[in-house]
Amino acid sequence: MKKLLIPLLALGGALSLQPAIAADGEALFKSKPCAACHNVSMKMVGPALNEVAAKNAGVEGAAATLAASIKNGSSGKWGPIPMPPNAVSEEEAKILAEWVLSLK
């Protein structure tokens, strides 16, 4: 019984965090200048965030890679226009990356 209970509790805890990440990620997105170039469902200067999520679905290490791109900027991944570095902490970049990857 214990062997079944512990994994179930861990799974329940992980699932309960998902809505918190979504709410925090969306609020953080709205509080930063991200929306000047990105939209959830429509390409603007940068790609639509749901396209970023689709491209990275199932990719191992996608959250860490995306968080690094958010914090440090990137170029050549989505076309000729580079994404500049953003004034976010490591934790904020991680929250944003996880939120983006949760989009459908």
PDB file of N, CA and C in Angstrom:
ATOM      1  N   MET A   1       0.815  -1.193   0.000  1.00  0.00           N
ATOM      2  CA  MET A   1       0.000   0.000   0.000  1.00  0.00           C
ATOM      3  C   MET A   1       0.859   1.258   0.000  1.00  0.00           C
ATOM      4  N   LYS A   2       1.932   1.259   0.825  1.00  0.00           N
ATOM      5  CA  LYS A   2       2.817   2.420   0.874  1.00  0.00           C
ATOM      6  C   LYS A   2       3.462   2.683  -0.481  1.00  0.00           C
ATOM      7  N   LYS A   3       3.816   1.598  -1.159  1.00  0.00           N
ATOM      8  CA  LYS A   3       4.476   1.749  -2.457  1.00  0.00           C
ATOM      9  C   LYS A   3       3.571   2.419  -3.479  1.00  0.00           C
ATOM     10  N   LEU A   4       2.291   2.282  -3.333  1.00  0.00           N
ATOM     11  CA  LEU A   4       1.338   2.910  -4.235  1.00  0.00           C
ATOM     12  C   LEU A   4       0.984   4.320  -3.774  1.00  0.00           C
ATOM     13  N   LEU A   5       0.918   4.525  -2.493  1.00  0.00           N
ATOM     14  CA  LEU A   5       0.498   5.802  -1.936  1.00  0.00           C
ATOM     15  C   LEU A   5       1.490   6.925  -2.211  1.00  0.00           C
ATOM     16  N   ILE A   6       2.763   6.675  -2.053  1.00  0.00           N
ATOM     17  CA  ILE A   6       3.772   7.724  -2.242  1.00  0.00           C
ATOM     18  C   ILE A   6       3.785   8.246  -3.683  1.00  0.00           C
ATOM     19  N   PRO A   7       3.835   7.382  -4.710  1.00  0.00           N
ATOM     20  CA  PRO A   7       3.782   7.912  -6.078  1.00  0.00           C
ATOM     21  C   PRO A   7       2.491   8.660  -6.381  1.00  0.00           C
ATOM     22  N   LEU A   8       1.367   8.185  -5.827  1.00  0.00           N
ATOM     23  CA  LEU A   8       0.105   8.883  -6.045  1.00  0.00           C
ATOM     24  C   LEU A   8       0.108  10.270  -5.420  1.00  0.00           C
ATOM     25  N   LEU A   9       0.673  10.394  -4.238  1.00  0.00           N
ATOM     26  CA  LEU A   9       0.787  11.707  -3.595  1.00  0.00           C
ATOM     27  C   LEU A   9       1.698  12.636  -4.389  1.00  0.00           C
ATOM     28  N   ALA A  10       2.798  12.102  -4.887  1.00  0.00           N
ATOM     29  CA  ALA A  10       3.718  12.914  -5.698  1.00  0.00           C
ATOM     30  C   ALA A  10       3.041  13.374  -6.983  1.00  0.00           C
ATOM     31  N   LEU A  11       2.309  12.489  -7.626  1.00  0.00           N
ATOM     32  CA  LEU A  11       1.598  12.848  -8.851  1.00  0.00           C
ATOM     33  C   LEU A  11       0.536  13.902  -8.577  1.00  0.00           C
ATOM     34  N   GLY A  12      -0.201  13.730  -7.498  1.00  0.00           N
ATOM     35  CA  GLY A  12      -1.217  14.713  -7.131  1.00  0.00           C
ATOM     36  C   GLY A  12      -0.614  16.081  -6.870  1.00  0.00           C
ATOM     37  N   GLY A  13       0.523  16.111  -6.207  1.00  0.00           N
ATOM     38  CA  GLY A  13       1.200  17.380  -5.950  1.00  0.00           C
ATOM     39  C   GLY A  13       1.668  18.040  -7.233  1.00  0.00           C
ATOM     40  N   ALA A  14       2.212  17.265  -8.140  1.00  0.00           N
ATOM     41  CA  ALA A  14       2.680  17.818  -9.418  1.00  0.00           C
ATOM     42  C   ALA A  14       1.520  18.353 -10.231  1.00  0.00           C
ATOM     43  N   LEU A  15       0.421  17.633 -10.265  1.00  0.00           N
ATOM     44  CA  LEU A  15      -0.737  18.084 -11.028  1.00  0.00           C
ATOM     45  C   LEU A  15      -1.371  19.329 -10.426  1.00  0.00           C
ATOM     46  N   SER A  16      -1.309  19.466  -9.129  1.00  0.00           N
ATOM     47  CA  SER A  16      -1.886  20.647  -8.501  1.00  0.00           C
ATOM     48  C   SER A  16      -1.062  21.898  -8.766  1.00  0.00           C
ATOM     49  N   LEU A  17       0.198  21.753  -9.114  1.00  0.00           N
ATOM     50  CA  LEU A  17       1.047  22.898  -9.427  1.00  0.00           C
ATOM     51  C   LEU A  17       0.793  23.448 -10.826  1.00  0.00           C
ATOM     52  N   GLN A  18       0.293  22.637 -11.739  1.00  0.00           N
ATOM     53  CA  GLN A  18       0.114  23.064 -13.135  1.00  0.00           C
ATOM     54  C   GLN A  18      -0.739  24.327 -13.258  1.00  0.00           C
ATOM     55  N   PRO A  19      -1.912  24.437 -12.619  1.00  0.00           N
ATOM     56  CA  PRO A  19      -2.683  25.677 -12.721  1.00  0.00           C
ATOM     57  C   PRO A  19      -1.932  26.874 -12.156  1.00  0.00           C
ATOM     58  N   ALA A  20      -1.145  26.683 -11.104  1.00  0.00           N
ATOM     59  CA  ALA A  20      -0.379  27.785 -10.524  1.00  0.00           C
ATOM     60  C   ALA A  20       0.666  28.286 -11.512  1.00  0.00           C
ATOM     61  N   ILE A  21       1.345  27.362 -12.194  1.00  0.00           N
ATOM     62  CA  ILE A  21       2.333  27.751 -13.200  1.00  0.00           C
ATOM     63  C   ILE A  21       1.659  28.533 -14.316  1.00  0.00           C
ATOM     64  N   ALA A  22       0.504  28.062 -14.763  1.00  0.00           N
ATOM     65  CA  ALA A  22      -0.201  28.742 -15.843  1.00  0.00           C
ATOM     66  C   ALA A  22      -0.596  30.155 -15.434  1.00  0.00           C
ATOM     67  N   ALA A  23      -1.139  30.302 -14.240  1.00  0.00           N
ATOM     68  CA  ALA A  23      -1.563  31.625 -13.776  1.00  0.00           C
ATOM     69  C   ALA A  23      -0.362  32.542 -13.582  1.00  0.00           C
ATOM     70  N   ASP A  24       0.693  32.033 -12.957  1.00  0.00           N
ATOM     71  CA  ASP A  24       1.887  32.841 -12.744  1.00  0.00           C
ATOM     72  C   ASP A  24       2.560  33.187 -14.074  1.00  0.00           C
ATOM     73  N   GLY A  25       2.623  32.236 -14.979  1.00  0.00           N
ATOM     74  CA  GLY A  25       3.260  32.466 -16.277  1.00  0.00           C
ATOM     75  C   GLY A  25       2.538  33.515 -17.090  1.00  0.00           C
ATOM     76  N   GLU A  26       1.228  33.425 -17.125  1.00  0.00           N
ATOM     77  CA  GLU A  26       0.455  34.402 -17.883  1.00  0.00           C
ATOM     78  C   GLU A  26       0.579  35.793 -17.271  1.00  0.00           C
ATOM     79  N   ALA A  27       0.512  35.882 -15.958  1.00  0.00           N
ATOM     80  CA  ALA A  27       0.656  37.175 -15.282  1.00  0.00           C
ATOM     81  C   ALA A  27       2.048  37.754 -15.526  1.00  0.00           C
ATOM     82  N   LEU A  28       3.052  36.905 -15.469  1.00  0.00           N
ATOM     83  CA  LEU A  28       4.421  37.356 -15.705  1.00  0.00           C
ATOM     84  C   LEU A  28       4.590  37.826 -17.142  1.00  0.00           C
ATOM     85  N   PHE A  29       4.036  37.069 -18.088  1.00  0.00           N
ATOM     86  CA  PHE A  29       4.075  37.451 -19.504  1.00  0.00           C
ATOM     87  C   PHE A  29       3.476  38.843 -19.702  1.00  0.00           C
ATOM     88  N   LYS A  30       2.357  39.086 -19.068  1.00  0.00           N
ATOM     89  CA  LYS A  30       1.675  40.376 -19.203  1.00  0.00           C
ATOM     90  C   LYS A  30       2.424  41.511 -18.514  1.00  0.00           C
ATOM     91  N   SER A  31       3.251  41.179 -17.515  1.00  0.00           N
ATOM     92  CA  SER A  31       3.971  42.213 -16.781  1.00  0.00           C
ATOM     93  C   SER A  31       5.310  42.591 -17.431  1.00  0.00           C
ATOM     94  N   LYS A  32       5.756  41.805 -18.372  1.00  0.00           N
ATOM     95  CA  LYS A  32       7.031  42.038 -19.060  1.00  0.00           C
ATOM     96  C   LYS A  32       6.758  42.544 -20.477  1.00  0.00           C
ATOM     97  N   PRO A  33       7.758  43.032 -21.177  1.00  0.00           N
ATOM     98  CA  PRO A  33       7.536  43.531 -22.540  1.00  0.00           C
ATOM     99  C   PRO A  33       7.399  42.428 -23.602  1.00  0.00           C
ATOM    100  N   CYS A  34       7.213  41.185 -23.192  1.00  0.00           N
ATOM    101  CA  CYS A  34       7.094  40.054 -24.126  1.00  0.00           C
ATOM    102  C   CYS A  34       6.002  40.292 -25.175  1.00  0.00           C
ATOM    103  N   ALA A  35       4.875  40.858 -24.715  1.00  0.00           N
ATOM    104  CA  ALA A  35       3.720  41.034 -25.595  1.00  0.00           C
ATOM    105  C   ALA A  35       3.956  42.062 -26.696  1.00  0.00           C
ATOM    106  N   ALA A  36       5.042  42.798 -26.630  1.00  0.00           N
ATOM    107  CA  ALA A  36       5.360  43.732 -27.710  1.00  0.00           C
ATOM    108  C   ALA A  36       5.712  42.978 -28.991  1.00  0.00           C
ATOM    109  N   CYS A  37       6.232  41.766 -28.849  1.00  0.00           N
ATOM    110  CA  CYS A  37       6.658  40.979 -30.008  1.00  0.00           C
ATOM    111  C   CYS A  37       5.945  39.640 -30.139  1.00  0.00           C
ATOM    112  N   HIS A  38       5.314  39.168 -29.070  1.00  0.00           N
ATOM    113  CA  HIS A  38       4.688  37.845 -29.071  1.00  0.00           C
ATOM    114  C   HIS A  38       3.220  37.911 -28.690  1.00  0.00           C
ATOM    115  N   ASN A  39       2.459  36.990 -29.256  1.00  0.00           N
ATOM    116  CA  ASN A  39       1.055  36.788 -28.946  1.00  0.00           C
ATOM    117  C   ASN A  39       0.882  35.290 -28.739  1.00  0.00           C
ATOM    118  N   VAL A  40      -0.101  34.884 -27.988  1.00  0.00           N
ATOM    119  CA  VAL A  40      -0.286  33.459 -27.731  1.00  0.00           C
ATOM    120  C   VAL A  40      -0.641  32.711 -29.013  1.00  0.00           C
ATOM    121  N   SER A  41      -1.534  33.266 -29.824  1.00  0.00           N
ATOM    122  CA  SER A  41      -2.039  32.505 -30.964  1.00  0.00           C
ATOM    123  C   SER A  41      -1.755  33.109 -32.335  1.00  0.00           C
ATOM    124  N   MET A  42      -1.052  34.232 -32.397  1.00  0.00           N
ATOM    125  CA  MET A  42      -0.835  34.905 -33.678  1.00  0.00           C
ATOM    126  C   MET A  42       0.619  35.363 -33.799  1.00  0.00           C
ATOM    127  N   LYS A  43       1.222  35.123 -34.953  1.00  0.00           N
ATOM    128  CA  LYS A  43       2.584  35.586 -35.199  1.00  0.00           C
ATOM    129  C   LYS A  43       2.594  37.107 -35.248  1.00  0.00           C
ATOM    130  N   MET A  44       3.565  37.684 -34.577  1.00  0.00           N
ATOM    131  CA  MET A  44       3.766  39.134 -34.641  1.00  0.00           C
ATOM    132  C   MET A  44       5.210  39.329 -35.104  1.00  0.00           C
ATOM    133  N   VAL A  45       6.004  40.062 -34.383  1.00  0.00           N
ATOM    134  CA  VAL A  45       7.433  40.176 -34.686  1.00  0.00           C
ATOM    135  C   VAL A  45       8.090  38.822 -34.464  1.00  0.00           C
ATOM    136  N   GLY A  46       7.707  38.179 -33.375  1.00  0.00           N
ATOM    137  CA  GLY A  46       8.185  36.837 -33.055  1.00  0.00           C
ATOM    138  C   GLY A  46       7.079  35.829 -33.278  1.00  0.00           C
ATOM    139  N   PRO A  47       7.397  34.563 -33.124  1.00  0.00           N
ATOM    140  CA  PRO A  47       6.401  33.521 -33.360  1.00  0.00           C
ATOM    141  C   PRO A  47       5.286  33.529 -32.316  1.00  0.00           C
ATOM    142  N   ALA A  48       4.135  32.969 -32.699  1.00  0.00           N
ATOM    143  CA  ALA A  48       3.049  32.771 -31.743  1.00  0.00           C
ATOM    144  C   ALA A  48       3.546  31.784 -30.687  1.00  0.00           C
ATOM    145  N   LEU A  49       3.198  32.039 -29.452  1.00  0.00           N
ATOM    146  CA  LEU A  49       3.697  31.195 -28.372  1.00  0.00           C
ATOM    147  C   LEU A  49       3.159  29.764 -28.455  1.00  0.00           C
ATOM    148  N   ASN A  50       1.945  29.576 -28.996  1.00  0.00           N
ATOM    149  CA  ASN A  50       1.460  28.211 -29.144  1.00  0.00           C
ATOM    150  C   ASN A  50       2.247  27.463 -30.225  1.00  0.00           C
ATOM    151  N   GLU A  51       2.846  28.176 -31.192  1.00  0.00           N
ATOM    152  CA  GLU A  51       3.735  27.550 -32.172  1.00  0.00           C
ATOM    153  C   GLU A  51       5.043  27.121 -31.505  1.00  0.00           C
ATOM    154  N   VAL A  52       5.535  27.949 -30.604  1.00  0.00           N
ATOM    155  CA  VAL A  52       6.750  27.603 -29.856  1.00  0.00           C
ATOM    156  C   VAL A  52       6.488  26.344 -29.038  1.00  0.00           C
ATOM    157  N   ALA A  53       5.328  26.292 -28.385  1.00  0.00           N
ATOM    158  CA  ALA A  53       4.970  25.114 -27.591  1.00  0.00           C
ATOM    159  C   ALA A  53       4.878  23.872 -28.465  1.00  0.00           C
ATOM    160  N   ALA A  54       4.245  23.997 -29.633  1.00  0.00           N
ATOM    161  CA  ALA A  54       4.090  22.846 -30.532  1.00  0.00           C
ATOM    162  C   ALA A  54       5.441  22.358 -31.048  1.00  0.00           C
ATOM    163  N   LYS A  55       6.311  23.290 -31.404  1.00  0.00           N
ATOM    164  CA  LYS A  55       7.629  22.920 -31.927  1.00  0.00           C
ATOM    165  C   LYS A  55       8.465  22.190 -30.874  1.00  0.00           C
ATOM    166  N   ASN A  56       8.262  22.535 -29.609  1.00  0.00           N
ATOM    167  CA  ASN A  56       9.061  21.966 -28.530  1.00  0.00           C
ATOM    168  C   ASN A  56       8.367  20.843 -27.767  1.00  0.00           C
ATOM    169  N   ALA A  57       7.176  20.453 -28.193  1.00  0.00           N
ATOM    170  CA  ALA A  57       6.435  19.392 -27.505  1.00  0.00           C
ATOM    171  C   ALA A  57       7.239  18.094 -27.530  1.00  0.00           C
ATOM    172  N   GLY A  58       7.442  17.539 -26.365  1.00  0.00           N
ATOM    173  CA  GLY A  58       8.145  16.271 -26.257  1.00  0.00           C
ATOM    174  C   GLY A  58       9.650  16.355 -26.410  1.00  0.00           C
ATOM    175  N   VAL A  59      10.193  17.546 -26.573  1.00  0.00           N
ATOM    176  CA  VAL A  59      11.636  17.714 -26.725  1.00  0.00           C
ATOM    177  C   VAL A  59      12.278  17.735 -25.337  1.00  0.00           C
ATOM    178  N   GLU A  60      13.214  16.844 -25.120  1.00  0.00           N
ATOM    179  CA  GLU A  60      13.897  16.775 -23.829  1.00  0.00           C
ATOM    180  C   GLU A  60      14.716  18.046 -23.599  1.00  0.00           C
ATOM    181  N   GLY A  61      14.576  18.642 -22.432  1.00  0.00           N
ATOM    182  CA  GLY A  61      15.327  19.841 -22.085  1.00  0.00           C
ATOM    183  C   GLY A  61      14.766  21.119 -22.691  1.00  0.00           C
ATOM    184  N   ALA A  62      13.566  21.048 -23.257  1.00  0.00           N
ATOM    185  CA  ALA A  62      12.988  22.225 -23.925  1.00  0.00           C
ATOM    186  C   ALA A  62      12.784  23.391 -22.967  1.00  0.00           C
ATOM    187  N   ALA A  63      12.351  23.118 -21.743  1.00  0.00           N
ATOM    188  CA  ALA A  63      12.105  24.209 -20.790  1.00  0.00           C
ATOM    189  C   ALA A  63      13.387  24.963 -20.471  1.00  0.00           C
ATOM    190  N   ALA A  64      14.477  24.242 -20.271  1.00  0.00           N
ATOM    191  CA  ALA A  64      15.756  24.893 -19.958  1.00  0.00           C
ATOM    192  C   ALA A  64      16.272  25.682 -21.158  1.00  0.00           C
ATOM    193  N   THR A  65      16.138  25.112 -22.352  1.00  0.00           N
ATOM    194  CA  THR A  65      16.591  25.797 -23.567  1.00  0.00           C
ATOM    195  C   THR A  65      15.780  27.061 -23.808  1.00  0.00           C
ATOM    196  N   LEU A  66      14.469  26.948 -23.650  1.00  0.00           N
ATOM    197  CA  LEU A  66      13.600  28.103 -23.853  1.00  0.00           C
ATOM    198  C   LEU A  66      13.852  29.170 -22.791  1.00  0.00           C
ATOM    199  N   ALA A  67      14.051  28.769 -21.544  1.00  0.00           N
ATOM    200  CA  ALA A  67      14.348  29.731 -20.476  1.00  0.00           C
ATOM    201  C   ALA A  67      15.638  30.488 -20.776  1.00  0.00           C
ATOM    202  N   ALA A  68      16.644  29.790 -21.286  1.00  0.00           N
ATOM    203  CA  ALA A  68      17.911  30.447 -21.642  1.00  0.00           C
ATOM    204  C   ALA A  68      17.698  31.440 -22.783  1.00  0.00           C
ATOM    205  N   SER A  69      16.879  31.073 -23.759  1.00  0.00           N
ATOM    206  CA  SER A  69      16.591  31.989 -24.873  1.00  0.00           C
ATOM    207  C   SER A  69      15.828  33.215 -24.395  1.00  0.00           C
ATOM    208  N   ILE A  70      14.903  33.015 -23.466  1.00  0.00           N
ATOM    209  CA  ILE A  70      14.142  34.142 -22.926  1.00  0.00           C
ATOM    210  C   ILE A  70      15.076  35.092 -22.189  1.00  0.00           C
ATOM    211  N   LYS A  71      15.932  34.565 -21.358  1.00  0.00           N
ATOM    212  CA  LYS A  71      16.830  35.400 -20.543  1.00  0.00           C
ATOM    213  C   LYS A  71      17.947  36.029 -21.365  1.00  0.00           C
ATOM    214  N   ASN A  72      18.582  35.251 -22.237  1.00  0.00           N
ATOM    215  CA  ASN A  72      19.783  35.706 -22.943  1.00  0.00           C
ATOM    216  C   ASN A  72      19.543  36.167 -24.368  1.00  0.00           C
ATOM    217  N   GLY A  73      18.344  35.943 -24.884  1.00  0.00           N
ATOM    218  CA  GLY A  73      18.052  36.268 -26.269  1.00  0.00           C
ATOM    219  C   GLY A  73      18.471  35.124 -27.182  1.00  0.00           C
ATOM    220  N   SER A  74      18.079  35.220 -28.440  1.00  0.00           N
ATOM    221  CA  SER A  74      18.444  34.192 -29.419  1.00  0.00           C
ATOM    222  C   SER A  74      18.314  34.769 -30.815  1.00  0.00           C
ATOM    223  N   SER A  75      18.860  34.051 -31.776  1.00  0.00           N
ATOM    224  CA  SER A  75      18.712  34.481 -33.167  1.00  0.00           C
ATOM    225  C   SER A  75      18.745  33.266 -34.082  1.00  0.00           C
ATOM    226  N   GLY A  76      18.043  33.382 -35.199  1.00  0.00           N
ATOM    227  CA  GLY A  76      18.057  32.345 -36.211  1.00  0.00           C
ATOM    228  C   GLY A  76      17.138  31.174 -35.974  1.00  0.00           C
ATOM    229  N   LYS A  77      16.425  31.137 -34.872  1.00  0.00           N
ATOM    230  CA  LYS A  77      15.540  30.004 -34.591  1.00  0.00           C
ATOM    231  C   LYS A  77      14.191  30.142 -35.281  1.00  0.00           C
ATOM    232  N   TRP A  78      13.726  31.373 -35.453  1.00  0.00           N
ATOM    233  CA  TRP A  78      12.399  31.621 -36.023  1.00  0.00           C
ATOM    234  C   TRP A  78      12.439  32.634 -37.162  1.00  0.00           C
ATOM    235  N   GLY A  79      13.592  32.828 -37.742  1.00  0.00           N
ATOM    236  CA  GLY A  79      13.708  33.793 -38.831  1.00  0.00           C
ATOM    237  C   GLY A  79      14.836  34.766 -38.579  1.00  0.00           C
ATOM    238  N   PRO A  80      14.909  35.792 -39.390  1.00  0.00           N
ATOM    239  CA  PRO A  80      16.063  36.698 -39.324  1.00  0.00           C
ATOM    240  C   PRO A  80      16.049  37.713 -38.183  1.00  0.00           C
ATOM    241  N   ILE A  81      14.909  37.940 -37.566  1.00  0.00           N
ATOM    242  CA  ILE A  81      14.831  38.949 -36.512  1.00  0.00           C
ATOM    243  C   ILE A  81      15.244  38.322 -35.186  1.00  0.00           C
ATOM    244  N   PRO A  82      16.323  38.830 -34.562  1.00  0.00           N
ATOM    245  CA  PRO A  82      16.774  38.249 -33.286  1.00  0.00           C
ATOM    246  C   PRO A  82      15.866  38.657 -32.132  1.00  0.00           C
ATOM    247  N   MET A  83      15.818  37.812 -31.119  1.00  0.00           N
ATOM    248  CA  MET A  83      15.113  38.153 -29.886  1.00  0.00           C
ATOM    249  C   MET A  83      16.160  38.683 -28.919  1.00  0.00           C
ATOM    250  N   PRO A  84      15.986  39.907 -28.429  1.00  0.00           N
ATOM    251  CA  PRO A  84      16.978  40.465 -27.505  1.00  0.00           C
ATOM    252  C   PRO A  84      16.890  39.805 -26.134  1.00  0.00           C
ATOM    253  N   PRO A  85      17.953  39.939 -25.349  1.00  0.00           N
ATOM    254  CA  PRO A  85      17.895  39.444 -23.967  1.00  0.00           C
ATOM    255  C   PRO A  85      16.793  40.173 -23.200  1.00  0.00           C
ATOM    256  N   ASN A  86      16.216  39.510 -22.244  1.00  0.00           N
ATOM    257  CA  ASN A  86      15.148  40.102 -21.444  1.00  0.00           C
ATOM    258  C   ASN A  86      15.586  40.267 -20.000  1.00  0.00           C
ATOM    259  N   ALA A  87      15.101  41.324 -19.377  1.00  0.00           N
ATOM    260  CA  ALA A  87      15.434  41.611 -17.980  1.00  0.00           C
ATOM    261  C   ALA A  87      14.541  40.763 -17.078  1.00  0.00           C
ATOM    262  N   VAL A  88      14.879  39.482 -17.007  1.00  0.00           N
ATOM    263  CA  VAL A  88      14.154  38.545 -16.154  1.00  0.00           C
ATOM    264  C   VAL A  88      15.172  37.754 -15.337  1.00  0.00           C
ATOM    265  N   SER A  89      14.737  37.301 -14.186  1.00  0.00           N
ATOM    266  CA  SER A  89      15.601  36.446 -13.372  1.00  0.00           C
ATOM    267  C   SER A  89      15.574  35.032 -13.951  1.00  0.00           C
ATOM    268  N   GLU A  90      16.461  34.184 -13.444  1.00  0.00           N
ATOM    269  CA  GLU A  90      16.470  32.779 -13.867  1.00  0.00           C
ATOM    270  C   GLU A  90      15.113  32.137 -13.550  1.00  0.00           C
ATOM    271  N   GLU A  91      14.586  32.426 -12.379  1.00  0.00           N
ATOM    272  CA  GLU A  91      13.295  31.854 -11.961  1.00  0.00           C
ATOM    273  C   GLU A  91      12.163  32.356 -12.857  1.00  0.00           C
ATOM    274  N   GLU A  92      12.156  33.655 -13.180  1.00  0.00           N
ATOM    275  CA  GLU A  92      11.122  34.191 -14.066  1.00  0.00           C
ATOM    276  C   GLU A  92      11.220  33.566 -15.451  1.00  0.00           C
ATOM    277  N   ALA A  93      12.432  33.402 -15.965  1.00  0.00           N
ATOM    278  CA  ALA A  93      12.612  32.772 -17.280  1.00  0.00           C
ATOM    279  C   ALA A  93      12.087  31.343 -17.256  1.00  0.00           C
ATOM    280  N   LYS A  94      12.325  30.636 -16.165  1.00  0.00           N
ATOM    281  CA  LYS A  94      11.837  29.256 -16.035  1.00  0.00           C
ATOM    282  C   LYS A  94      10.312  29.222 -16.000  1.00  0.00           C
ATOM    283  N   ILE A  95       9.710  30.123 -15.239  1.00  0.00           N
ATOM    284  CA  ILE A  95       8.242  30.190 -15.166  1.00  0.00           C
ATOM    285  C   ILE A  95       7.661  30.499 -16.531  1.00  0.00           C
ATOM    286  N   LEU A  96       8.237  31.474 -17.228  1.00  0.00           N
ATOM    287  CA  LEU A  96       7.749  31.822 -18.566  1.00  0.00           C
ATOM    288  C   LEU A  96       7.890  30.649 -19.530  1.00  0.00           C
ATOM    289  N   ALA A  97       9.035  29.979 -19.496  1.00  0.00           N
ATOM    290  CA  ALA A  97       9.265  28.845 -20.396  1.00  0.00           C
ATOM    291  C   ALA A  97       8.264  27.732 -20.133  1.00  0.00           C
ATOM    292  N   GLU A  98       8.036  27.395 -18.873  1.00  0.00           N
ATOM    293  CA  GLU A  98       7.078  26.344 -18.544  1.00  0.00           C
ATOM    294  C   GLU A  98       5.664  26.732 -18.950  1.00  0.00           C
ATOM    295  N   TRP A  99       5.337  28.002 -18.790  1.00  0.00           N
ATOM    296  CA  TRP A  99       4.012  28.474 -19.206  1.00  0.00           C
ATOM    297  C   TRP A  99       3.850  28.359 -20.718  1.00  0.00           C
ATOM    298  N   VAL A 100       4.849  28.841 -21.463  1.00  0.00           N
ATOM    299  CA  VAL A 100       4.782  28.752 -22.924  1.00  0.00           C
ATOM    300  C   VAL A 100       4.614  27.303 -23.359  1.00  0.00           C
ATOM    301  N   LEU A 101       5.382  26.407 -22.767  1.00  0.00           N
ATOM    302  CA  LEU A 101       5.307  24.994 -23.150  1.00  0.00           C
ATOM    303  C   LEU A 101       3.985  24.350 -22.755  1.00  0.00           C
ATOM    304  N   SER A 102       3.244  24.954 -21.843  1.00  0.00           N
ATOM    305  CA  SER A 102       1.938  24.417 -21.449  1.00  0.00           C
ATOM    306  C   SER A 102       0.827  24.847 -22.398  1.00  0.00           C
ATOM    307  N   LEU A 103       1.105  25.779 -23.289  1.00  0.00           N
ATOM    308  CA  LEU A 103       0.079  26.282 -24.214  1.00  0.00           C
ATOM    309  C   LEU A 103      -0.221  25.266 -25.302  1.00  0.00           C
ATOM    310  N   LYS A 104      -1.432  25.310 -25.804  1.00  0.00           N
ATOM    311  CA  LYS A 104      -1.828  24.399 -26.887  1.00  0.00           C
ATOM    312  C   LYS A 104      -2.373  25.158 -28.045  1.00  0.00           C
TER     313      LYS A 104
END
